[in-house]
Amino acid sequence: MIRTQISLTEEQAKRLRAHSTIKGISQAEILRQALNAYFDQDDLIRWVELARNITPVSSGYTDLAENHDEHLAEIYYEDIQRGLENL
């Protein structure tokens, strides 16, 4: 671990001491947990922003969920036909 020094307001220091006493863990551990929660939330926000930028793509099939096997077989068959034509 790396030691670091931070400055807190009187109210933050008071609340941190109280939480440390109530939870029975060090003030440093509370701060580490808070930082991890902050970073996890920040990562989630970035993923949500990335997901919003994904453009939906349509296969053109309206029944793909129900008939995906048939559509896949059709695509494979067309690929095979194209391959035979190139021989």
N, C-alpha and C. Protein backbone atom coordinates (compact mmCIF):
# COMPACT_ATOMS: atom_id res chain seq x y z
N MET A 1 0.84 -1.17 0.00
CA MET A 1 0.00 0.00 0.00
C MET A 1 0.88 1.24 0.00
N ILE A 2 0.33 2.28 -0.53
CA ILE A 2 1.03 3.56 -0.59
C ILE A 2 0.40 4.51 0.41
N ARG A 3 1.25 5.10 1.25
CA ARG A 3 0.74 6.09 2.21
C ARG A 3 0.50 7.39 1.48
N THR A 4 -0.59 8.05 1.86
CA THR A 4 -0.88 9.36 1.30
C THR A 4 -1.51 10.22 2.39
N GLN A 5 -1.51 11.51 2.17
CA GLN A 5 -2.08 12.43 3.15
C GLN A 5 -3.17 13.23 2.46
N ILE A 6 -4.30 13.38 3.12
CA ILE A 6 -5.40 14.17 2.57
C ILE A 6 -5.87 15.17 3.62
N SER A 7 -6.56 16.19 3.15
CA SER A 7 -7.14 17.18 4.05
C SER A 7 -8.65 17.02 4.03
N LEU A 8 -9.23 16.99 5.22
CA LEU A 8 -10.68 16.86 5.36
C LEU A 8 -11.23 18.08 6.08
N THR A 9 -12.49 18.37 5.83
CA THR A 9 -13.14 19.40 6.64
C THR A 9 -13.36 18.83 8.04
N GLU A 10 -13.65 19.70 8.99
CA GLU A 10 -13.93 19.25 10.36
C GLU A 10 -15.09 18.26 10.35
N GLU A 11 -16.15 18.57 9.59
CA GLU A 11 -17.33 17.70 9.54
C GLU A 11 -16.98 16.34 8.93
N GLN A 12 -16.19 16.32 7.86
CA GLN A 12 -15.78 15.05 7.24
C GLN A 12 -14.96 14.21 8.21
N ALA A 13 -14.04 14.84 8.90
CA ALA A 13 -13.20 14.11 9.87
C ALA A 13 -14.04 13.56 11.00
N LYS A 14 -14.99 14.34 11.49
CA LYS A 14 -15.87 13.90 12.57
C LYS A 14 -16.70 12.70 12.13
N ARG A 15 -17.29 12.77 10.95
CA ARG A 15 -18.11 11.67 10.44
C ARG A 15 -17.27 10.43 10.15
N LEU A 16 -16.06 10.64 9.64
CA LEU A 16 -15.17 9.51 9.35
C LEU A 16 -14.81 8.78 10.65
N ARG A 17 -14.48 9.54 11.70
CA ARG A 17 -14.16 8.92 13.00
C ARG A 17 -15.36 8.15 13.53
N ALA A 18 -16.55 8.74 13.41
CA ALA A 18 -17.76 8.08 13.92
C ALA A 18 -18.02 6.78 13.16
N HIS A 19 -17.91 6.81 11.85
CA HIS A 19 -18.12 5.59 11.05
C HIS A 19 -17.08 4.53 11.39
N SER A 20 -15.86 4.98 11.58
CA SER A 20 -14.78 4.04 11.92
C SER A 20 -15.08 3.34 13.24
N THR A 21 -15.53 4.09 14.20
CA THR A 21 -15.85 3.52 15.52
C THR A 21 -17.05 2.57 15.42
N ILE A 22 -18.10 3.01 14.73
CA ILE A 22 -19.31 2.19 14.61
C ILE A 22 -19.03 0.90 13.85
N LYS A 23 -18.29 0.99 12.76
CA LYS A 23 -18.04 -0.19 11.92
C LYS A 23 -16.89 -1.05 12.42
N GLY A 24 -16.07 -0.48 13.27
CA GLY A 24 -14.94 -1.24 13.80
C GLY A 24 -13.84 -1.47 12.78
N ILE A 25 -13.73 -0.55 11.83
CA ILE A 25 -12.64 -0.63 10.84
C ILE A 25 -11.90 0.71 10.82
N SER A 26 -10.71 0.68 10.27
CA SER A 26 -9.89 1.89 10.27
C SER A 26 -10.48 2.96 9.34
N GLN A 27 -10.10 4.19 9.63
CA GLN A 27 -10.51 5.29 8.77
C GLN A 27 -9.95 5.11 7.36
N ALA A 28 -8.73 4.61 7.29
CA ALA A 28 -8.11 4.37 5.98
C ALA A 28 -8.92 3.35 5.17
N GLU A 29 -9.41 2.30 5.84
CA GLU A 29 -10.20 1.29 5.14
C GLU A 29 -11.52 1.88 4.63
N ILE A 30 -12.14 2.74 5.43
CA ILE A 30 -13.37 3.40 4.98
C ILE A 30 -13.10 4.25 3.74
N LEU A 31 -12.00 4.97 3.75
CA LEU A 31 -11.65 5.80 2.59
C LEU A 31 -11.34 4.93 1.37
N ARG A 32 -10.64 3.81 1.57
CA ARG A 32 -10.37 2.90 0.44
C ARG A 32 -11.67 2.37 -0.15
N GLN A 33 -12.60 1.96 0.73
CA GLN A 33 -13.89 1.45 0.26
C GLN A 33 -14.66 2.53 -0.50
N ALA A 34 -14.62 3.76 0.01
CA ALA A 34 -15.32 4.87 -0.64
C ALA A 34 -14.72 5.15 -2.02
N LEU A 35 -13.39 5.12 -2.11
CA LEU A 35 -12.74 5.34 -3.40
C LEU A 35 -13.09 4.23 -4.39
N ASN A 36 -13.08 2.98 -3.91
CA ASN A 36 -13.45 1.87 -4.80
C ASN A 36 -14.88 2.02 -5.30
N ALA A 37 -15.79 2.41 -4.43
CA ALA A 37 -17.19 2.61 -4.84
C ALA A 37 -17.28 3.74 -5.86
N TYR A 38 -16.53 4.80 -5.64
CA TYR A 38 -16.52 5.92 -6.59
C TYR A 38 -15.99 5.48 -7.95
N PHE A 39 -14.88 4.76 -7.96
CA PHE A 39 -14.30 4.30 -9.22
C PHE A 39 -15.22 3.31 -9.92
N ASP A 40 -15.85 2.40 -9.18
CA ASP A 40 -16.80 1.45 -9.77
C ASP A 40 -17.96 2.18 -10.42
N GLN A 41 -18.49 3.19 -9.75
CA GLN A 41 -19.59 3.98 -10.30
C GLN A 41 -19.14 4.72 -11.55
N ASP A 42 -17.93 5.26 -11.51
CA ASP A 42 -17.39 5.98 -12.66
C ASP A 42 -17.24 5.04 -13.86
N ASP A 43 -16.76 3.81 -13.61
CA ASP A 43 -16.65 2.81 -14.68
C ASP A 43 -18.01 2.48 -15.26
N LEU A 44 -19.01 2.33 -14.40
CA LEU A 44 -20.36 2.02 -14.85
C LEU A 44 -20.91 3.15 -15.72
N ILE A 45 -20.67 4.38 -15.31
CA ILE A 45 -21.13 5.54 -16.10
C ILE A 45 -20.50 5.51 -17.48
N ARG A 46 -19.20 5.20 -17.56
CA ARG A 46 -18.54 5.12 -18.88
C ARG A 46 -19.14 4.02 -19.74
N TRP A 47 -19.45 2.86 -19.15
CA TRP A 47 -20.06 1.77 -19.91
C TRP A 47 -21.43 2.17 -20.42
N VAL A 48 -22.20 2.86 -19.59
CA VAL A 48 -23.53 3.31 -20.01
C VAL A 48 -23.41 4.29 -21.17
N GLU A 49 -22.44 5.21 -21.08
CA GLU A 49 -22.24 6.17 -22.17
C GLU A 49 -21.83 5.45 -23.45
N LEU A 50 -20.98 4.45 -23.34
CA LEU A 50 -20.59 3.68 -24.53
C LEU A 50 -21.79 2.95 -25.12
N ALA A 51 -22.60 2.36 -24.26
CA ALA A 51 -23.77 1.62 -24.73
C ALA A 51 -24.74 2.54 -25.44
N ARG A 52 -24.87 3.77 -24.98
CA ARG A 52 -25.78 4.72 -25.63
C ARG A 52 -25.32 5.08 -27.04
N ASN A 53 -24.02 4.93 -27.30
CA ASN A 53 -23.48 5.29 -28.61
C ASN A 53 -23.49 4.13 -29.60
N ILE A 54 -23.98 2.97 -29.18
CA ILE A 54 -24.05 1.82 -30.08
C ILE A 54 -25.27 1.99 -30.97
N THR A 55 -25.05 1.88 -32.25
CA THR A 55 -26.14 2.01 -33.20
C THR A 55 -26.82 0.66 -33.37
N PRO A 56 -28.13 0.60 -33.19
CA PRO A 56 -28.83 -0.66 -33.39
C PRO A 56 -28.72 -1.11 -34.84
N VAL A 57 -28.60 -2.40 -35.03
CA VAL A 57 -28.50 -2.97 -36.37
C VAL A 57 -29.66 -3.95 -36.55
N SER A 58 -30.26 -3.89 -37.71
CA SER A 58 -31.37 -4.80 -37.99
C SER A 58 -30.94 -5.83 -39.02
N SER A 59 -31.32 -7.07 -38.79
CA SER A 59 -31.02 -8.14 -39.74
C SER A 59 -32.01 -8.13 -40.89
N GLY A 60 -33.12 -7.45 -40.69
CA GLY A 60 -34.17 -7.45 -41.69
C GLY A 60 -35.21 -8.54 -41.45
N TYR A 61 -34.90 -9.47 -40.56
CA TYR A 61 -35.85 -10.54 -40.23
C TYR A 61 -36.73 -10.08 -39.08
N THR A 62 -38.02 -10.27 -39.20
CA THR A 62 -38.93 -9.90 -38.11
C THR A 62 -39.20 -11.07 -37.18
N ASP A 63 -38.80 -12.28 -37.60
CA ASP A 63 -39.06 -13.48 -36.79
C ASP A 63 -37.77 -14.19 -36.39
N LEU A 64 -36.70 -13.43 -36.27
CA LEU A 64 -35.39 -14.04 -36.03
C LEU A 64 -35.34 -14.81 -34.71
N ALA A 65 -35.98 -14.32 -33.68
CA ALA A 65 -35.95 -15.01 -32.38
C ALA A 65 -36.59 -16.39 -32.46
N GLU A 66 -37.67 -16.51 -33.24
CA GLU A 66 -38.38 -17.78 -33.32
C GLU A 66 -37.76 -18.73 -34.35
N ASN A 67 -37.19 -18.18 -35.43
CA ASN A 67 -36.74 -19.01 -36.54
C ASN A 67 -35.26 -18.84 -36.87
N HIS A 68 -34.46 -18.60 -35.86
CA HIS A 68 -33.04 -18.35 -36.12
C HIS A 68 -32.34 -19.53 -36.78
N ASP A 69 -32.69 -20.76 -36.43
CA ASP A 69 -32.04 -21.93 -37.03
C ASP A 69 -32.29 -21.98 -38.54
N GLU A 70 -33.53 -21.73 -38.95
CA GLU A 70 -33.86 -21.76 -40.37
C GLU A 70 -33.14 -20.65 -41.13
N HIS A 71 -33.10 -19.45 -40.53
CA HIS A 71 -32.42 -18.33 -41.18
C HIS A 71 -30.92 -18.60 -41.29
N LEU A 72 -30.33 -19.18 -40.26
CA LEU A 72 -28.91 -19.49 -40.29
C LEU A 72 -28.61 -20.55 -41.34
N ALA A 73 -29.46 -21.57 -41.43
CA ALA A 73 -29.28 -22.60 -42.46
C ALA A 73 -29.37 -21.99 -43.85
N GLU A 74 -30.28 -21.06 -44.03
CA GLU A 74 -30.43 -20.39 -45.32
C GLU A 74 -29.17 -19.60 -45.68
N ILE A 75 -28.62 -18.91 -44.70
CA ILE A 75 -27.40 -18.14 -44.94
C ILE A 75 -26.24 -19.07 -45.27
N TYR A 76 -26.10 -20.17 -44.53
CA TYR A 76 -25.04 -21.14 -44.83
C TYR A 76 -25.22 -21.72 -46.23
N TYR A 77 -26.45 -22.03 -46.60
CA TYR A 77 -26.72 -22.59 -47.92
C TYR A 77 -26.31 -21.58 -49.00
N GLU A 78 -26.65 -20.32 -48.81
CA GLU A 78 -26.27 -19.28 -49.78
C GLU A 78 -24.76 -19.15 -49.87
N ASP A 79 -24.07 -19.23 -48.74
CA ASP A 79 -22.60 -19.17 -48.74
C ASP A 79 -22.00 -20.34 -49.51
N ILE A 80 -22.58 -21.53 -49.31
CA ILE A 80 -22.10 -22.73 -50.02
C ILE A 80 -22.33 -22.57 -51.52
N GLN A 81 -23.47 -22.06 -51.91
CA GLN A 81 -23.79 -21.86 -53.32
C GLN A 81 -22.80 -20.88 -53.94
N ARG A 82 -22.52 -19.80 -53.24
CA ARG A 82 -21.55 -18.81 -53.75
C ARG A 82 -20.18 -19.45 -53.89
N GLY A 83 -19.81 -20.31 -52.92
CA GLY A 83 -18.51 -20.97 -52.99
C GLY A 83 -18.43 -21.92 -54.16
N LEU A 84 -19.51 -22.63 -54.46
CA LEU A 84 -19.53 -23.57 -55.59
C LEU A 84 -19.46 -22.81 -56.91
N GLU A 85 -20.07 -21.64 -56.97
CA GLU A 85 -20.05 -20.84 -58.19
C GLU A 85 -18.66 -20.33 -58.50
N ASN A 86 -17.82 -20.19 -57.48
CA ASN A 86 -16.47 -19.67 -57.67
C ASN A 86 -15.47 -20.77 -58.00
N LEU A 87 -15.90 -22.02 -58.09
CA LEU A 87 -14.97 -23.10 -58.40
C LEU A 87 -14.62 -23.13 -59.85
